[in-house]
Amino acid sequence: MQLSVSDKKELLKLARASIGSALGECEAPKKPEGGQGLTDLSGAFVTLHLHGELRGCIGYIEAQFPLYSTIEEVAQKAALEDPRFAPLTSEEFRHIEIEISVLSPLHKVADVDEIHVGTHGLVIDAGYTRGLLLPQVAVEYGWGREQFLSHTARKAGLQADAWKRKDVALYTFTSDVFSESGLPG
């Protein structure tokens, strides 16, 4: 899916309005007007940073809703329902940086050599539990392929070497990542 700069700005504006309305800071967002990409079905994550630190991140791995609807929902969840953090406050809302990751469809991995750190995100699926790490996470932490696999397994609540098991499926995806400070204008 190709999103224009205008579409990306609309999605960021929608995410901010969605969080703001949940906090009582602004009116509920309106359906954005933009390109076809906004209504395509797509998995996506919204990541919030406060003063450069992670403050929330929630999303859907696979396409369930039109992209604009997914962003509206997961933005609120990242702000208010990420179990790692207390709900975002109105004061924090004024200082957060919003980042959106729009995911490609998943691709099943036959050989771990197919995984390219910095390009691919990972999903590990043990049937009863799944874990996901976005492509930018491995880069931010300077991980190699095996560290990325191990951390993704741990994210799923598995042993660090669970990615080696035959009953565990690995998937890659790419993502179009953009943030409020990263777009022109």
Protein backbone atom coordinates (compact mmCIF):
# COMPACT_ATOMS: atom_id res chain seq x y z
CA MET A 1 0.00 0.00 0.00
CA GLN A 2 1.34 3.41 -0.96
CA LEU A 3 0.36 6.27 1.32
CA SER A 4 0.92 9.84 0.19
CA VAL A 5 2.44 12.44 2.51
CA SER A 6 -1.05 13.94 2.72
CA ASP A 7 -2.54 10.57 3.77
CA LYS A 8 0.14 10.17 6.44
CA LYS A 9 -0.59 13.64 7.80
CA GLU A 10 -4.30 12.79 7.91
CA LEU A 11 -3.60 9.60 9.86
CA LEU A 12 -1.38 11.40 12.37
CA LYS A 13 -4.02 14.11 12.79
CA LEU A 14 -6.66 11.40 13.29
CA ALA A 15 -4.53 9.61 15.91
CA ARG A 16 -3.97 12.83 17.85
CA ALA A 17 -7.67 13.78 17.70
CA SER A 18 -8.69 10.27 18.75
CA ILE A 19 -6.47 10.42 21.85
CA GLY A 20 -7.46 14.02 22.58
CA SER A 21 -11.17 13.25 22.41
CA ALA A 22 -10.75 10.27 24.76
CA LEU A 23 -9.05 12.62 27.24
CA GLY A 24 -11.69 15.33 26.81
CA GLU A 25 -9.17 17.68 25.18
CA CYS A 26 -10.91 18.04 21.81
CA GLU A 27 -13.88 16.92 19.75
CA ALA A 28 -14.17 13.40 18.35
CA PRO A 29 -12.26 12.99 15.10
CA LYS A 30 -14.01 13.09 11.76
CA LYS A 31 -13.46 10.46 9.08
CA PRO A 32 -10.43 11.67 7.14
CA GLU A 33 -10.69 12.61 3.51
CA GLY A 34 -7.83 11.25 1.50
CA GLY A 35 -6.56 8.60 -0.82
CA GLN A 36 -7.65 5.00 -1.27
CA GLY A 37 -4.97 3.88 1.19
CA LEU A 38 -6.93 5.31 4.12
CA THR A 39 -9.82 2.91 3.51
CA ASP A 40 -7.74 -0.16 2.58
CA LEU A 41 -7.65 -2.95 5.14
CA SER A 42 -4.31 -2.97 6.91
CA GLY A 43 -2.65 -3.92 10.16
CA ALA A 44 -1.11 -0.97 11.99
CA PHE A 45 0.45 0.12 15.27
CA VAL A 46 0.47 3.47 17.02
CA THR A 47 3.51 4.18 19.18
CA LEU A 48 3.64 7.07 21.63
CA HIS A 49 6.86 8.65 22.86
CA LEU A 50 7.15 11.13 25.71
CA HIS A 51 10.45 13.03 25.90
CA GLY A 52 12.06 10.37 23.70
CA GLU A 53 10.88 7.43 25.82
CA LEU A 54 8.25 4.83 24.93
CA ARG A 55 4.89 5.78 26.47
CA GLY A 56 2.56 3.30 24.76
CA CYS A 57 2.27 1.05 21.74
CA ILE A 58 -0.69 -1.01 20.58
CA GLY A 59 -1.87 -2.25 17.22
CA TYR A 60 -3.32 -4.98 15.09
CA ILE A 61 -0.99 -7.40 13.35
CA GLU A 62 -3.37 -8.27 10.55
CA ALA A 63 -5.93 -6.26 8.63
CA GLN A 64 -9.30 -6.18 10.37
CA PHE A 65 -10.69 -2.73 9.55
CA PRO A 66 -10.08 0.17 7.15
CA LEU A 67 -6.74 1.77 8.02
CA TYR A 68 -8.26 5.04 9.28
CA SER A 69 -10.53 3.10 11.65
CA THR A 70 -7.65 0.97 12.90
CA ILE A 71 -5.55 4.07 13.63
CA GLU A 72 -8.41 5.76 15.48
CA GLU A 73 -8.91 2.72 17.72
CA VAL A 74 -5.30 1.75 18.43
CA ALA A 75 -4.26 5.35 19.11
CA GLN A 76 -6.71 5.48 22.02
CA LYS A 77 -5.62 2.04 23.22
CA ALA A 78 -1.93 3.00 23.08
CA ALA A 79 -2.71 6.06 25.20
CA LEU A 80 -5.08 4.48 27.69
CA GLU A 81 -4.80 0.69 27.66
CA ASP A 82 -1.16 -0.35 27.21
CA PRO A 83 -0.73 -2.55 30.29
CA ARG A 84 2.89 -1.44 30.71
CA PHE A 85 1.87 2.15 31.52
CA ALA A 86 -0.68 4.16 33.46
CA PRO A 87 -3.22 5.87 31.20
CA LEU A 88 -1.88 8.98 29.47
CA THR A 89 -2.73 12.24 31.23
CA SER A 90 -3.89 15.47 29.62
CA GLU A 91 -0.57 17.08 30.52
CA GLU A 92 1.39 14.27 28.88
CA PHE A 93 -0.87 14.45 25.82
CA ARG A 94 0.46 17.92 25.04
CA HIS A 95 4.01 16.54 24.82
CA ILE A 96 3.67 13.14 23.16
CA GLU A 97 5.13 12.31 19.78
CA ILE A 98 2.94 10.01 17.70
CA GLU A 99 4.43 7.40 15.38
CA ILE A 100 2.41 5.15 13.08
CA SER A 101 3.54 1.87 11.55
CA VAL A 102 1.38 0.54 8.70
CA LEU A 103 2.08 -3.16 8.24
CA SER A 104 2.36 -5.24 5.09
CA PRO A 105 0.72 -8.67 5.00
CA LEU A 106 2.60 -11.37 6.90
CA HIS A 107 5.05 -13.67 5.08
CA LYS A 108 5.81 -17.10 6.56
CA VAL A 109 9.54 -17.64 7.07
CA ALA A 110 11.02 -20.92 5.82
CA ASP A 111 14.61 -20.08 6.81
CA VAL A 112 15.77 -17.48 9.34
CA ASP A 113 18.30 -16.26 6.77
CA GLU A 114 15.30 -14.61 5.04
CA ILE A 115 15.00 -12.17 7.97
CA HIS A 116 16.65 -8.81 7.32
CA VAL A 117 17.14 -6.76 10.48
CA GLY A 118 16.02 -3.19 9.91
CA THR A 119 13.73 -4.17 7.04
CA HIS A 120 11.53 -6.84 8.56
CA GLY A 121 9.38 -6.92 11.63
CA LEU A 122 8.83 -10.31 13.25
CA VAL A 123 5.87 -12.30 14.50
CA ILE A 124 6.41 -15.51 16.41
CA ASP A 125 3.38 -17.78 16.69
CA ALA A 126 3.33 -20.78 19.01
CA GLY A 127 -0.38 -21.42 18.43
CA TYR A 128 -1.42 -20.44 21.94
CA THR A 129 0.58 -17.21 22.06
CA ARG A 130 2.01 -14.66 19.64
CA GLY A 131 4.62 -11.94 19.91
CA LEU A 132 5.51 -9.10 17.55
CA LEU A 133 8.33 -6.61 17.31
CA LEU A 134 8.30 -3.81 14.73
CA PRO A 135 11.28 -3.49 12.34
CA GLN A 136 12.57 -0.32 14.00
CA VAL A 137 12.92 -2.00 17.41
CA ALA A 138 15.92 -4.13 16.40
CA VAL A 139 17.62 -1.09 14.90
CA GLU A 140 16.98 1.06 17.99
CA TYR A 141 18.60 -1.56 20.22
CA GLY A 142 21.37 -2.58 17.81
CA TRP A 143 20.28 -6.23 17.72
CA GLY A 144 21.43 -8.84 15.26
CA ARG A 145 19.10 -11.46 13.77
CA GLU A 146 19.32 -13.96 16.64
CA GLN A 147 18.81 -11.28 19.30
CA PHE A 148 15.78 -10.03 17.36
CA LEU A 149 14.37 -13.57 17.22
CA SER A 150 15.04 -14.13 20.94
CA HIS A 151 13.41 -10.86 22.00
CA THR A 152 10.38 -11.57 19.82
CA ALA A 153 10.05 -15.00 21.45
CA ARG A 154 10.23 -13.38 24.89
CA LYS A 155 7.59 -10.84 23.84
CA ALA A 156 5.32 -13.85 23.17
CA GLY A 157 6.04 -15.12 26.69
CA LEU A 158 8.24 -17.94 25.40
CA GLN A 159 11.80 -19.03 26.13
CA ALA A 160 14.37 -16.96 24.24
CA ASP A 161 15.29 -19.88 21.98
CA ALA A 162 11.68 -20.91 21.21
CA TRP A 163 12.09 -19.60 17.65
CA LYS A 164 14.19 -22.74 16.95
CA ARG A 165 11.29 -25.10 17.73
CA LYS A 166 9.53 -26.92 14.87
CA ASP A 167 6.07 -26.16 16.34
CA VAL A 168 6.69 -22.39 16.28
CA ALA A 169 5.93 -20.38 13.14
CA LEU A 170 7.85 -17.25 12.20
CA TYR A 171 6.51 -14.48 9.99
CA THR A 172 8.05 -11.30 8.64
CA PHE A 173 6.42 -8.10 7.52
CA THR A 174 7.54 -4.67 6.47
CA SER A 175 6.09 -1.42 7.68
CA ASP A 176 5.72 2.13 6.52
CA VAL A 177 6.76 4.11 9.60
CA PHE A 178 6.10 7.83 9.98
CA SER A 179 5.78 10.31 12.84
CA GLU A 180 4.67 13.84 13.54
CA SER A 181 8.21 15.18 13.57
CA GLY A 182 9.29 13.15 10.55
CA LEU A 183 6.93 14.62 7.95
CA PRO A 184 7.44 17.93 6.18
CA GLY A 185 5.11 20.80 7.08
